[in-house]
């Protein structure tokens, strides 16, 4: 199936305008890279515009950029599964390697000033809204678990309606933290945008720092990811997002006795939960 889409791209090239031809060549040069990019990144990488990328997708019979990426991701995944069928030991090594790569690349990408600013605002906040939908909800829940241990008031809002309703009622002394691997999730963007408009300090954890969600964040924390539309949410591929939460938690823990006391209380509260 991979050859079918790539063949379609090649066969359409003679009739394409210069702008669409640049996009076609960009995709053909590294289709696996394109699967992980936003429309803005493809436009920048191909020296075209977002409108041209949309025209390109429609020219090859896809109604949107996201549908084009999904189809391309499915075909690449199918091709790689057949080509890389391997013993279980290799699968273990491959999974470990993917997680390590995501972690190492995340540490290279992280903006230390943005991290410090985010941690400072979380420490000062009256409350923290955590927005994450789909696979990103798991990262939001992990953050909530750690924040509660510190005695911070936080809540996970993994329903789009509840998230935006909460967002519009936030204020200057509150924080909204949104997790979106793609940075293009409409519901996540809308929630963070509403929180920012209400006066809250906004934080985005995303693998695409030049994405719509980043434009609505006061602090952007970039994570690395090898995620695709097919593998989305797999821990080994989004380990960098969990690493960012851990780093924030460790920065908060260093704030002093306030959080140490809360951690002691929460530890004592759960000590009898195990045999």
Protein backbone atom coordinates (compact mmCIF):
# COMPACT_ATOMS: atom_id res chain seq x y z
CA UNK A 1 0.00 0.00 0.00
CA UNK A 2 2.94 2.33 0.60
CA UNK A 3 3.87 2.14 -3.09
CA UNK A 4 0.32 3.07 -4.03
CA UNK A 5 0.46 6.50 -2.35
CA UNK A 6 4.04 7.18 -3.38
CA UNK A 7 3.24 6.12 -6.93
CA UNK A 8 0.28 8.49 -6.89
CA UNK A 9 2.56 11.32 -5.81
CA UNK A 10 5.12 10.57 -8.51
CA UNK A 11 2.55 10.22 -11.26
CA UNK A 12 0.95 13.54 -10.37
CA UNK A 13 4.18 15.55 -10.43
CA UNK A 14 4.15 16.58 -14.12
CA UNK A 15 0.85 18.40 -13.66
CA UNK A 16 1.69 20.15 -10.39
CA UNK A 17 2.40 23.84 -9.92
CA UNK A 18 5.88 24.76 -8.63
CA UNK A 19 4.61 25.13 -5.05
CA UNK A 20 2.79 21.78 -5.04
CA UNK A 21 5.75 20.10 -6.74
CA UNK A 22 8.02 21.23 -3.90
CA UNK A 23 5.61 19.69 -1.40
CA UNK A 24 5.44 16.44 -3.37
CA UNK A 25 9.22 16.17 -3.50
CA UNK A 26 9.45 16.98 0.21
CA UNK A 27 7.04 14.14 1.06
CA UNK A 28 8.70 11.65 -1.29
CA UNK A 29 12.13 12.47 0.13
CA UNK A 30 11.18 11.40 3.67
CA UNK A 31 7.56 10.22 4.09
CA UNK A 32 8.24 8.87 7.60
CA UNK A 33 9.29 12.35 8.71
CA UNK A 34 6.16 13.94 7.26
CA UNK A 35 3.91 11.57 9.24
CA UNK A 36 5.24 13.18 12.44
CA UNK A 37 5.04 16.79 11.28
CA UNK A 38 2.40 19.49 11.56
CA UNK A 39 1.05 21.28 8.53
CA UNK A 40 3.17 24.30 9.51
CA UNK A 41 6.35 22.21 9.59
CA UNK A 42 5.61 20.67 6.18
CA UNK A 43 4.94 24.12 4.75
CA UNK A 44 8.19 25.48 6.17
CA UNK A 45 10.20 22.42 5.16
CA UNK A 46 8.96 22.52 1.59
CA UNK A 47 9.22 26.29 1.21
CA UNK A 48 5.50 26.67 0.64
CA UNK A 49 2.43 27.80 2.58
CA UNK A 50 -0.13 25.97 4.71
CA UNK A 51 -2.75 26.74 2.07
CA UNK A 52 -0.55 25.07 -0.55
CA UNK A 53 -0.16 21.98 1.64
CA UNK A 54 -3.95 21.73 1.89
CA UNK A 55 -4.27 22.10 -1.89
CA UNK A 56 -1.66 19.39 -2.31
CA UNK A 57 -3.63 16.99 -0.09
CA UNK A 58 -6.84 17.66 -1.99
CA UNK A 59 -5.04 17.25 -5.30
CA UNK A 60 -4.20 13.66 -4.34
CA UNK A 61 -7.75 13.00 -3.15
CA UNK A 62 -7.52 13.62 0.60
CA UNK A 63 -10.00 15.99 2.22
CA UNK A 64 -7.54 17.21 4.85
CA UNK A 65 -3.89 17.14 5.88
CA UNK A 66 -4.71 14.91 8.86
CA UNK A 67 -6.39 12.31 6.62
CA UNK A 68 -3.39 12.34 4.31
CA UNK A 69 -1.04 11.78 7.26
CA UNK A 70 -3.21 8.97 8.61
CA UNK A 71 -3.24 7.16 5.26
CA UNK A 72 0.49 7.63 4.84
CA UNK A 73 1.12 6.43 8.39
CA UNK A 74 -0.97 3.29 7.89
CA UNK A 75 0.88 2.41 4.72
CA UNK A 76 4.30 3.05 6.22
CA UNK A 77 3.39 1.02 9.29
CA UNK A 78 2.13 -1.89 7.18
CA UNK A 79 5.26 -1.85 5.08
CA UNK A 80 7.59 -1.74 8.08
CA UNK A 81 5.73 -4.49 9.95
CA UNK A 82 6.20 -6.85 7.02
CA UNK A 83 9.79 -5.82 6.37
CA UNK A 84 10.94 -5.86 10.00
CA UNK A 85 9.19 -9.00 11.27
CA UNK A 86 11.64 -10.17 13.94
CA UNK A 87 12.09 -12.46 16.96
CA UNK A 88 10.73 -11.30 20.31
CA UNK A 89 14.21 -10.41 21.54
CA UNK A 90 14.59 -7.90 18.73
CA UNK A 91 11.19 -6.41 19.56
CA UNK A 92 12.31 -5.90 23.17
CA UNK A 93 15.52 -4.20 22.05
CA UNK A 94 13.68 -2.06 19.50
CA UNK A 95 11.12 -0.92 22.09
CA UNK A 96 13.86 -0.07 24.60
CA UNK A 97 15.83 1.80 21.96
CA UNK A 98 12.77 3.82 20.97
CA UNK A 99 12.14 4.87 24.57
CA UNK A 100 15.79 5.79 25.18
CA UNK A 101 15.87 7.84 21.98
CA UNK A 102 12.74 9.76 23.01
CA UNK A 103 14.22 10.49 26.44
CA UNK A 104 17.63 11.61 25.18
CA UNK A 105 16.20 13.79 22.43
CA UNK A 106 13.80 15.42 24.88
CA UNK A 107 16.65 16.52 27.15
CA UNK A 108 18.31 18.10 24.11
CA UNK A 109 15.12 19.93 23.12
CA UNK A 110 14.11 21.28 26.52
CA UNK A 111 14.20 25.01 27.10
CA UNK A 112 15.55 25.40 30.64
CA UNK A 113 14.16 28.89 31.10
CA UNK A 114 10.68 27.71 30.08
CA UNK A 115 10.96 24.78 32.51
CA UNK A 116 11.92 27.03 35.41
CA UNK A 117 9.13 29.47 34.59
CA UNK A 118 6.57 26.65 34.38
CA UNK A 119 7.69 25.15 37.70
CA UNK A 120 7.59 28.55 39.41
CA UNK A 121 4.06 29.24 38.20
CA UNK A 122 2.85 25.78 39.25
CA UNK A 123 4.29 26.30 42.74
CA UNK A 124 2.49 29.65 43.10
CA UNK A 125 -0.81 28.55 41.56
CA UNK A 126 -4.06 28.35 43.51
CA UNK A 127 -5.02 25.45 41.24
CA UNK A 128 -3.84 23.64 38.12
CA UNK A 129 -6.04 22.47 35.27
CA UNK A 130 -4.59 19.55 33.28
CA UNK A 131 -5.93 19.10 29.75
CA UNK A 132 -5.24 15.89 27.83
CA UNK A 133 -7.46 13.91 25.50
CA UNK A 134 -6.99 10.44 24.07
CA UNK A 135 -3.50 9.10 24.77
CA UNK A 136 -2.44 12.44 26.26
CA UNK A 137 -4.93 11.94 29.10
CA UNK A 138 -2.58 9.33 30.56
CA UNK A 139 0.21 11.89 30.81
CA UNK A 140 -2.21 14.37 32.42
CA UNK A 141 -3.22 11.76 35.02
CA UNK A 142 0.43 11.07 35.80
CA UNK A 143 1.04 14.78 36.36
CA UNK A 144 -2.05 14.96 38.59
CA UNK A 145 -0.79 12.04 40.69
CA UNK A 146 2.56 13.73 41.31
CA UNK A 147 1.04 17.15 41.97
CA UNK A 148 -1.38 15.72 44.54
CA UNK A 149 1.57 14.19 46.38
CA UNK A 150 2.94 17.71 46.79
CA UNK A 151 -0.36 18.97 48.16
CA UNK A 152 -1.07 20.99 45.02
CA UNK A 153 -4.67 21.48 43.95
CA UNK A 154 -4.99 20.01 40.47
CA UNK A 155 -7.59 18.27 38.36
CA UNK A 156 -7.51 16.23 35.18
CA UNK A 157 -10.02 17.39 32.57
CA UNK A 158 -10.08 14.73 29.87
CA UNK A 159 -13.55 15.60 28.59
CA UNK A 160 -13.45 18.43 26.01
CA UNK A 161 -16.66 20.04 27.26
CA UNK A 162 -15.64 20.01 30.92
CA UNK A 163 -12.17 21.26 30.00
CA UNK A 164 -13.31 24.35 28.15
CA UNK A 165 -16.01 25.10 30.76
CA UNK A 166 -13.37 25.01 33.47
CA UNK A 167 -10.93 27.03 31.37
CA UNK A 168 -13.22 30.03 30.93
CA UNK A 169 -13.57 30.30 34.72
CA UNK A 170 -9.86 30.40 35.51
CA UNK A 171 -8.00 33.53 36.56
CA UNK A 172 -4.54 35.09 36.91
CA UNK A 173 -3.53 32.99 39.92
CA UNK A 174 -4.26 29.69 38.20
CA UNK A 175 -2.36 27.49 35.76
CA UNK A 176 -3.58 25.49 32.77
CA UNK A 177 -1.26 22.75 31.52
CA UNK A 178 -2.13 21.09 28.23
CA UNK A 179 -0.58 17.97 26.72
CA UNK A 180 -0.79 17.38 22.99
CA UNK A 181 1.76 15.28 21.10
CA UNK A 182 0.80 16.78 17.76
CA UNK A 183 0.12 20.27 19.07
CA UNK A 184 -2.84 20.31 16.70
CA UNK A 185 -5.64 18.73 18.74
CA UNK A 186 -8.57 21.13 18.33
CA UNK A 187 -10.14 20.44 21.73
CA UNK A 188 -6.84 20.82 23.57
CA UNK A 189 -6.03 24.04 21.73
CA UNK A 190 -9.49 25.48 22.41
CA UNK A 191 -9.21 24.68 26.12
CA UNK A 192 -5.78 26.27 26.46
CA UNK A 193 -6.86 29.27 24.40
CA UNK A 194 -9.86 29.79 26.69
CA UNK A 195 -7.66 29.51 29.78
CA UNK A 196 -5.23 32.09 28.41
CA UNK A 197 -8.07 34.47 27.55
CA UNK A 198 -9.35 34.11 31.12
CA UNK A 199 -5.99 35.21 32.49
CA UNK A 200 -4.46 31.89 33.57
CA UNK A 201 -0.79 31.08 33.02
CA UNK A 202 -0.67 28.51 30.24
CA UNK A 203 1.80 25.67 29.69
CA UNK A 204 1.97 23.33 26.70
CA UNK A 205 3.80 20.02 26.50
CA UNK A 206 4.06 19.09 22.85
CA UNK A 207 6.37 17.40 20.36
CA UNK A 208 5.90 20.24 17.90
CA UNK A 209 6.98 23.61 19.27
CA UNK A 210 5.82 25.34 16.09
CA UNK A 211 2.24 24.21 16.38
CA UNK A 212 -1.10 25.91 17.12
CA UNK A 213 -1.04 24.92 20.78
CA UNK A 214 2.38 26.50 21.28
CA UNK A 215 1.00 29.83 20.09
CA UNK A 216 -1.38 29.82 23.07
CA UNK A 217 1.16 28.88 25.74
CA UNK A 218 3.17 31.16 28.03
CA UNK A 219 5.67 28.31 28.46
CA UNK A 220 6.26 25.70 25.77
CA UNK A 221 7.97 22.46 26.82
CA UNK A 222 9.07 20.49 23.79
CA UNK A 223 9.31 16.71 23.95
CA UNK A 224 10.71 14.30 21.40
CA UNK A 225 8.49 11.60 19.95
CA UNK A 226 8.62 8.86 17.35
CA UNK A 227 4.85 8.53 17.53
CA UNK A 228 2.73 8.06 14.41
CA UNK A 229 -1.04 8.02 13.84
CA UNK A 230 -0.84 4.22 14.19
CA UNK A 231 1.33 4.00 17.32
CA UNK A 232 -0.01 7.08 19.09
CA UNK A 233 0.13 6.87 22.89
CA UNK A 234 2.60 3.97 23.19
CA UNK A 235 4.81 4.71 26.21
CA UNK A 236 8.10 3.97 24.47
CA UNK A 237 7.24 6.57 21.85
CA UNK A 238 6.01 9.33 24.18
CA UNK A 239 8.40 8.71 27.08
CA UNK A 240 9.71 12.25 26.68
CA UNK A 241 6.38 13.71 27.82
CA UNK A 242 6.53 11.69 31.04
CA UNK A 243 10.13 12.80 31.52
CA UNK A 244 9.05 16.46 31.39
CA UNK A 245 6.45 15.80 34.10
CA UNK A 246 9.13 14.13 36.24
CA UNK A 247 11.51 17.06 35.74
CA UNK A 248 8.80 19.54 36.75
CA UNK A 249 8.00 17.42 39.81
CA UNK A 250 11.65 17.32 40.87
CA UNK A 251 11.95 21.09 40.46
CA UNK A 252 8.84 21.55 42.60
CA UNK A 253 10.14 19.15 45.26
CA UNK A 254 13.25 21.30 45.71
CA UNK A 255 11.13 24.27 46.76
CA UNK A 256 11.49 23.42 50.43
CA UNK A 257 9.63 22.32 53.53
CA UNK A 258 6.15 23.18 52.21
CA UNK A 259 6.15 20.33 49.72
CA UNK A 260 8.27 17.99 51.81
CA UNK A 261 5.64 18.11 54.54
CA UNK A 262 2.86 17.41 52.04
CA UNK A 263 4.80 14.47 50.62
CA UNK A 264 5.22 13.08 54.12
CA UNK A 265 1.49 13.38 54.80
CA UNK A 266 0.49 11.70 51.53
CA UNK A 267 3.00 8.91 52.13
CA UNK A 268 1.56 8.29 55.60
CA UNK A 269 -1.99 8.39 54.24
CA UNK A 270 -1.28 5.52 51.84
CA UNK A 271 1.13 3.43 53.90
CA UNK A 272 -1.57 0.96 54.95
CA UNK A 273 -2.79 0.38 51.39
CA UNK A 274 -0.29 -2.46 50.88
CA UNK A 275 0.00 -5.78 52.71
